[in-house]
C-alpha atoms as a PDB file:
ATOM      1  CA  MET A   1     152.256  25.271  88.684  1.00  0.00           C
ATOM      2  CA  ALA A   2     150.010  26.621  91.318  1.00  0.00           C
ATOM      3  CA  THR A   3     151.569  27.530  94.651  1.00  0.00           C
ATOM      4  CA  ASP A   4     149.896  26.755  97.933  1.00  0.00           C
ATOM      5  CA  LYS A   5     149.524  30.006  99.733  1.00  0.00           C
ATOM      6  CA  ARG A   6     148.517  29.494 103.323  1.00  0.00           C
ATOM      7  CA  LYS A   7     147.137  32.366 105.205  1.00  0.00           C
ATOM      8  CA  ILE A   8     148.867  33.108 108.494  1.00  0.00           C
ATOM      9  CA  GLN A   9     146.262  33.404 111.199  1.00  0.00           C
ATOM     10  CA  GLU A  10     146.314  36.681 113.106  1.00  0.00           C
ATOM     11  CA  ILE A  11     146.754  36.550 116.862  1.00  0.00           C
ATOM     12  CA  ASN A  12     143.848  38.022 118.708  1.00  0.00           C
ATOM     13  CA  ALA A  13     145.480  40.704 120.936  1.00  0.00           C
ATOM     14  CA  GLY A  14     142.270  42.160 122.114  1.00  0.00           C
ATOM     15  CA  SER A  15     142.588  40.786 125.647  1.00  0.00           C
ATOM     16  CA  MET A  16     146.330  41.582 126.094  1.00  0.00           C
ATOM     17  CA  ALA A  17     145.536  44.984 127.611  1.00  0.00           C
ATOM     18  CA  ASP A  18     143.219  43.368 130.156  1.00  0.00           C
ATOM     19  CA  ILE A  19     145.865  40.811 131.082  1.00  0.00           C
ATOM     20  CA  ALA A  20     148.500  43.530 131.457  1.00  0.00           C
ATOM     21  CA  PHE A  21     146.201  45.536 133.677  1.00  0.00           C
ATOM     22  CA  LEU A  22     145.477  42.522 135.882  1.00  0.00           C
ATOM     23  CA  LEU A  23     149.195  41.772 136.232  1.00  0.00           C
ATOM     24  CA  LEU A  24     149.812  45.379 137.245  1.00  0.00           C
ATOM     25  CA  ILE A  25     147.108  45.190 139.914  1.00  0.00           C
ATOM     26  CA  PHE A  26     148.577  41.925 141.193  1.00  0.00           C
ATOM     27  CA  PHE A  27     152.062  43.476 141.369  1.00  0.00           C
ATOM     28  CA  LEU A  28     150.862  46.469 143.304  1.00  0.00           C
ATOM     29  CA  VAL A  29     148.932  44.319 145.761  1.00  0.00           C
ATOM     30  CA  ALA A  30     151.569  41.611 146.310  1.00  0.00           C
ATOM     31  CA  THR A  31     154.731  43.692 146.351  1.00  0.00           C
ATOM     32  CA  THR A  32     156.008  45.088 149.621  1.00  0.00           C
ATOM     33  CA  MET A  33     157.505  48.609 149.586  1.00  0.00           C
ATOM     34  CA  ASN A  34     160.497  49.593 151.674  1.00  0.00           C
ATOM     35  CA  VAL A  35     159.533  52.192 154.290  1.00  0.00           C
ATOM     36  CA  ASP A  36     162.004  54.900 155.103  1.00  0.00           C
ATOM     37  CA  THR A  37     163.037  54.758 158.704  1.00  0.00           C
ATOM     38  CA  GLY A  38     163.722  57.829 160.789  1.00  0.00           C
ATOM     39  CA  LEU A  39     165.574  58.639 163.969  1.00  0.00           C
ATOM     40  CA  ALA A  40     163.384  58.706 167.089  1.00  0.00           C
ATOM     41  CA  ARG A  41     163.639  61.974 168.967  1.00  0.00           C
ATOM     42  CA  ASN A  42     161.504  63.323 171.771  1.00  0.00           C
ATOM     43  CA  LEU A  43     160.668  66.967 171.030  1.00  0.00           C
ATOM     44  CA  PRO A  44     160.482  69.352 173.946  1.00  0.00           C
ATOM     45  CA  PRO A  45     157.013  70.603 174.961  1.00  0.00           C
ATOM     46  CA  MET A  46     155.737  73.937 173.642  1.00  0.00           C
ATOM     47  CA  PRO A  47     156.934  76.778 175.862  1.00  0.00           C
ATOM     48  CA  PRO A  48     154.354  78.930 177.744  1.00  0.00           C
ATOM     49  CA  GLU A  49     153.038  81.897 175.717  1.00  0.00           C
ATOM     50  CA  ASP A  50     154.300  84.341 178.311  1.00  0.00           C
ATOM     51  CA  GLN A  51     157.824  82.949 178.305  1.00  0.00           C
ATOM     52  CA  LYS A  52     160.454  85.486 177.285  1.00  0.00           C
ATOM     53  CA  THR A  53     162.748  84.731 174.341  1.00  0.00           C
ATOM     54  CA  GLU A  54     165.826  85.216 176.546  1.00  0.00           C
ATOM     55  CA  ASP A  55     164.618  82.453 178.828  1.00  0.00           C
ATOM     56  CA  MET A  56     164.326  79.997 175.976  1.00  0.00           C
ATOM     57  CA  LYS A  57     167.917  80.256 174.842  1.00  0.00           C
ATOM     58  CA  VAL A  58     170.233  77.394 175.821  1.00  0.00           C
ATOM     59  CA  LYS A  59     173.129  78.572 177.873  1.00  0.00           C
ATOM     60  CA  VAL A  60     176.431  78.370 176.005  1.00  0.00           C
ATOM     61  CA  ARG A  61     177.911  76.021 178.602  1.00  0.00           C
ATOM     62  CA  ASN A  62     175.077  73.532 178.024  1.00  0.00           C
ATOM     63  CA  LEU A  63     175.610  73.294 174.276  1.00  0.00           C
ATOM     64  CA  LEU A  64     178.201  71.222 172.429  1.00  0.00           C
ATOM     65  CA  PRO A  65     178.167  71.941 168.643  1.00  0.00           C
ATOM     66  CA  VAL A  66     179.153  69.045 166.376  1.00  0.00           C
ATOM     67  CA  LEU A  67     179.629  70.120 162.777  1.00  0.00           C
ATOM     68  CA  VAL A  68     180.044  67.748 159.866  1.00  0.00           C
ATOM     69  CA  ASN A  69     181.413  69.603 156.841  1.00  0.00           C
ATOM     70  CA  GLY A  70     181.353  68.714 153.175  1.00  0.00           C
ATOM     71  CA  ARG A  71     184.604  66.695 153.452  1.00  0.00           C
ATOM     72  CA  GLY A  72     183.215  64.549 156.200  1.00  0.00           C
ATOM     73  CA  ASP A  73     185.370  66.277 158.888  1.00  0.00           C
ATOM     74  CA  ILE A  74     183.816  66.330 162.346  1.00  0.00           C
ATOM     75  CA  LEU A  75     184.469  69.564 164.213  1.00  0.00           C
ATOM     76  CA  VAL A  76     183.532  69.614 167.848  1.00  0.00           C
ATOM     77  CA  GLY A  77     183.373  72.681 170.060  1.00  0.00           C
ATOM     78  CA  ARG A  78     182.161  76.236 170.113  1.00  0.00           C
ATOM     79  CA  THR A  79     183.279  78.907 167.594  1.00  0.00           C
ATOM     80  CA  GLY A  80     186.975  79.557 168.056  1.00  0.00           C
ATOM     81  CA  GLU A  81     187.462  76.347 170.045  1.00  0.00           C
ATOM     82  CA  GLN A  82     186.622  73.786 167.407  1.00  0.00           C
ATOM     83  CA  GLN A  83     188.742  70.672 167.044  1.00  0.00           C
ATOM     84  CA  ILE A  84     188.646  67.992 164.406  1.00  0.00           C
ATOM     85  CA  VAL A  85     187.650  64.758 166.180  1.00  0.00           C
ATOM     86  CA  PRO A  86     187.918  61.286 164.578  1.00  0.00           C
ATOM     87  CA  ILE A  87     184.652  59.399 164.397  1.00  0.00           C
ATOM     88  CA  GLU A  88     186.184  56.756 166.724  1.00  0.00           C
ATOM     89  CA  GLN A  89     186.614  59.363 169.478  1.00  0.00           C
ATOM     90  CA  LEU A  90     183.314  61.199 169.063  1.00  0.00           C
ATOM     91  CA  ARG A  91     181.277  58.967 171.326  1.00  0.00           C
ATOM     92  CA  GLU A  92     183.705  59.394 174.268  1.00  0.00           C
ATOM     93  CA  ARG A  93     183.963  63.105 173.733  1.00  0.00           C
ATOM     94  CA  ALA A  94     180.169  63.508 173.711  1.00  0.00           C
ATOM     95  CA  ALA A  95     179.729  61.323 176.826  1.00  0.00           C
ATOM     96  CA  GLU A  96     182.340  63.330 178.740  1.00  0.00           C
ATOM     97  CA  PHE A  97     180.479  66.537 177.890  1.00  0.00           C
ATOM     98  CA  ILE A  98     177.111  65.262 179.017  1.00  0.00           C
ATOM     99  CA  LEU A  99     178.390  63.729 182.253  1.00  0.00           C
ATOM    100  CA  ASN A 100     180.645  66.668 183.357  1.00  0.00           C
ATOM    101  CA  ALA A 101     182.070  64.433 186.063  1.00  0.00           C
ATOM    102  CA  ALA A 102     184.350  67.195 187.349  1.00  0.00           C
ATOM    103  CA  ASP A 103     181.490  69.747 187.589  1.00  0.00           C
ATOM    104  CA  ASP A 104     183.433  72.128 185.369  1.00  0.00           C
ATOM    105  CA  GLU A 105     181.677  75.565 185.238  1.00  0.00           C
ATOM    106  CA  ASN A 106     182.278  75.651 181.455  1.00  0.00           C
ATOM    107  CA  GLN A 107     180.519  72.279 180.995  1.00  0.00           C
ATOM    108  CA  PRO A 108     176.801  71.472 181.295  1.00  0.00           C
ATOM    109  CA  GLU A 109     174.775  72.287 184.405  1.00  0.00           C
ATOM    110  CA  LYS A 110     172.952  69.593 186.356  1.00  0.00           C
ATOM    111  CA  GLU A 111     169.523  69.760 187.902  1.00  0.00           C
ATOM    112  CA  GLU A 112     168.639  67.553 190.814  1.00  0.00           C
ATOM    113  CA  GLN A 113     165.431  65.684 190.084  1.00  0.00           C
ATOM    114  CA  THR A 114     163.581  63.072 192.196  1.00  0.00           C
ATOM    115  CA  PHE A 115     161.980  60.034 190.599  1.00  0.00           C
ATOM    116  CA  ASP A 116     159.405  57.685 192.138  1.00  0.00           C
ATOM    117  CA  LEU A 117     160.555  54.086 191.819  1.00  0.00           C
ATOM    118  CA  PRO A 118     158.129  51.065 191.451  1.00  0.00           C
ATOM    119  CA  ASP A 119     159.029  49.804 194.952  1.00  0.00           C
ATOM    120  CA  GLY A 120     157.809  53.042 196.536  1.00  0.00           C
ATOM    121  CA  SER A 121     161.228  54.513 197.181  1.00  0.00           C
ATOM    122  CA  LYS A 122     162.606  57.723 195.674  1.00  0.00           C
ATOM    123  CA  TRP A 123     165.708  58.293 193.632  1.00  0.00           C
ATOM    124  CA  THR A 124     167.425  61.662 193.318  1.00  0.00           C
ATOM    125  CA  PHE A 125     169.657  62.140 190.308  1.00  0.00           C
ATOM    126  CA  GLY A 126     171.534  65.091 188.798  1.00  0.00           C
ATOM    127  CA  VAL A 127     170.059  65.369 185.293  1.00  0.00           C
ATOM    128  CA  SER A 128     172.452  66.991 182.827  1.00  0.00           C
ATOM    129  CA  LYS A 129     171.215  69.967 180.865  1.00  0.00           C
ATOM    130  CA  GLY A 130     173.768  69.305 178.169  1.00  0.00           C
ATOM    131  CA  VAL A 131     172.675  69.272 174.557  1.00  0.00           C
ATOM    132  CA  LEU A 132     174.569  67.775 171.581  1.00  0.00           C
ATOM    133  CA  SER A 133     173.908  70.185 168.702  1.00  0.00           C
ATOM    134  CA  LEU A 134     174.473  68.358 165.396  1.00  0.00           C
ATOM    135  CA  GLN A 135     175.112  70.776 162.488  1.00  0.00           C
ATOM    136  CA  THR A 136     175.811  70.053 158.843  1.00  0.00           C
ATOM    137  CA  THR A 137     176.467  71.969 155.649  1.00  0.00           C
ATOM    138  CA  LYS A 138     174.598  71.699 152.344  1.00  0.00           C
ATOM    139  CA  GLU A 139     177.605  69.707 151.061  1.00  0.00           C
ATOM    140  CA  THR A 140     177.605  67.186 153.900  1.00  0.00           C
ATOM    141  CA  GLN A 141     177.200  63.608 152.694  1.00  0.00           C
ATOM    142  CA  TYR A 142     174.231  61.774 154.019  1.00  0.00           C
ATOM    143  CA  GLN A 143     176.322  58.743 155.079  1.00  0.00           C
ATOM    144  CA  ALA A 144     178.647  60.892 157.141  1.00  0.00           C
ATOM    145  CA  TYR A 145     175.630  62.544 158.811  1.00  0.00           C
ATOM    146  CA  ILE A 146     174.166  59.124 159.743  1.00  0.00           C
ATOM    147  CA  HIS A 147     177.495  57.918 161.157  1.00  0.00           C
ATOM    148  CA  VAL A 148     177.781  60.952 163.388  1.00  0.00           C
ATOM    149  CA  GLN A 149     174.134  60.658 164.493  1.00  0.00           C
ATOM    150  CA  ASN A 150     174.728  57.023 165.408  1.00  0.00           C
ATOM    151  CA  GLU A 151     177.805  57.847 167.529  1.00  0.00           C
ATOM    152  CA  LEU A 152     175.991  60.582 169.403  1.00  0.00           C
ATOM    153  CA  THR A 153     173.098  58.274 170.076  1.00  0.00           C
ATOM    154  CA  ARG A 154     175.465  55.564 171.214  1.00  0.00           C
ATOM    155  CA  ALA A 155     177.048  58.083 173.623  1.00  0.00           C
ATOM    156  CA  ILE A 156     173.699  58.728 175.301  1.00  0.00           C
ATOM    157  CA  ASN A 157     172.837  55.003 175.376  1.00  0.00           C
ATOM    158  CA  GLY A 158     176.232  54.300 176.938  1.00  0.00           C
ATOM    159  CA  ILE A 159     175.477  56.748 179.756  1.00  0.00           C
ATOM    160  CA  ARG A 160     172.082  55.163 180.247  1.00  0.00           C
ATOM    161  CA  ASP A 161     173.767  51.778 180.653  1.00  0.00           C
ATOM    162  CA  GLU A 162     176.192  53.177 183.217  1.00  0.00           C
ATOM    163  CA  VAL A 163     173.418  54.782 185.213  1.00  0.00           C
ATOM    164  CA  ALA A 164     171.229  51.651 185.031  1.00  0.00           C
ATOM    165  CA  MET A 165     174.091  49.451 186.163  1.00  0.00           C
ATOM    166  CA  ALA A 166     175.035  51.702 189.011  1.00  0.00           C
ATOM    167  CA  LYS A 167     171.486  52.096 190.311  1.00  0.00           C
ATOM    168  CA  PHE A 168     169.704  48.879 189.360  1.00  0.00           C
ATOM    169  CA  GLY A 169     172.545  46.443 188.543  1.00  0.00           C
ATOM    170  CA  LYS A 170     171.360  45.777 185.010  1.00  0.00           C
ATOM    171  CA  PRO A 171     172.055  47.303 181.553  1.00  0.00           C
ATOM    172  CA  PHE A 172     169.438  49.742 180.321  1.00  0.00           C
ATOM    173  CA  MET A 173     167.725  47.355 177.861  1.00  0.00           C
ATOM    174  CA  GLU A 174     167.404  44.601 180.483  1.00  0.00           C
ATOM    175  CA  LEU A 175     165.348  46.780 182.853  1.00  0.00           C
ATOM    176  CA  SER A 176     161.618  46.651 183.012  1.00  0.00           C
ATOM    177  CA  GLU A 177     159.680  49.086 180.800  1.00  0.00           C
ATOM    178  CA  GLU A 178     158.866  51.265 183.810  1.00  0.00           C
ATOM    179  CA  LEU A 179     162.471  51.479 184.973  1.00  0.00           C
ATOM    180  CA  ARG A 180     163.689  52.159 181.443  1.00  0.00           C
ATOM    181  CA  GLY A 181     161.318  55.119 181.305  1.00  0.00           C
ATOM    182  CA  ILE A 182     162.745  56.489 184.558  1.00  0.00           C
ATOM    183  CA  VAL A 183     166.355  56.134 183.388  1.00  0.00           C
ATOM    184  CA  ALA A 184     165.452  57.689 180.034  1.00  0.00           C
ATOM    185  CA  LYS A 185     164.148  60.765 181.909  1.00  0.00           C
ATOM    186  CA  ALA A 186     167.357  60.880 184.031  1.00  0.00           C
ATOM    187  CA  VAL A 187     169.491  60.674 180.889  1.00  0.00           C
ATOM    188  CA  PRO A 188     167.411  62.288 178.080  1.00  0.00           C
ATOM    189  CA  MET A 189     168.275  61.856 174.425  1.00  0.00           C
ATOM    190  CA  SER A 190     169.428  65.496 174.208  1.00  0.00           C
ATOM    191  CA  ILE A 191     170.471  65.693 170.564  1.00  0.00           C
ATOM    192  CA  SER A 192     169.365  68.714 168.501  1.00  0.00           C
ATOM    193  CA  GLU A 193     169.756  69.285 164.823  1.00  0.00           C
ATOM    194  CA  ALA A 194     170.400  72.716 163.353  1.00  0.00           C
ATOM    195  CA  GLU A 195     169.482  73.797 159.796  1.00  0.00           C
ATOM    196  CA  PRO A 196     172.298  73.030 157.342  1.00  0.00           C
ATOM    197  CA  LYS A 197     174.819  75.856 156.947  1.00  0.00           C
ATOM    198  CA  ASP A 198     175.550  77.440 153.551  1.00  0.00           C
ATOM    199  CA  MET A 199     179.305  77.817 153.217  1.00  0.00           C
ATOM    200  CA  GLY A 200     178.878  79.628 149.919  1.00  0.00           C
ATOM    201  CA  GLY A 201     181.592  77.607 148.258  1.00  0.00           C
ATOM    202  CA  ARG A 202     184.249  79.017 150.586  1.00  0.00           C
ATOM    203  CA  LYS A 203     186.921  76.809 151.958  1.00  0.00           C
ATOM    204  CA  VAL A 204     186.380  77.383 155.636  1.00  0.00           C
ATOM    205  CA  TRP A 205     188.170  74.451 157.300  1.00  0.00           C
ATOM    206  CA  GLN A 206     191.887  73.988 156.731  1.00  0.00           C
END
């Protein structure tokens, strides 16, 4: 008895590569990519060529080191005076340093500066020379670093709000663009970042 053998038709895959290529192009064109966001910082201007190295150094009293170690501990203060500060207290500690309300000779200096206001008047304000120096180690977790950065930034923004309310009767962000620029100069975002420290595997902090 003869069997009916039917041939299975082959699928023409010649155009599959073209279709895959078109889909890839469509994906690249239609897909939006996440863009890494950074932290805005105003860099200081380049110093004059004839400026001496000694003149460029920040005075010790004007610098508050904030170190985040590999365990996430936040150590605030100069060498030999460091204290572990909870993240909840960091903003207040940083603001107290920048403001130096008691004019402590061991705290930041202030420089009287005069600003021209939009109404034609002048405003003289003692601009703090304090700098918050954020330091990390190579073992510091990125999330801990970001949390500390945020708290230091909030400390500066809090001072800007206080100054804006005292002088203009409005929070910083409710001021006009011109007035915000003036307050930002009176209370600069003085946060510096040092190169990560290499602890060499030693247990430094107890």
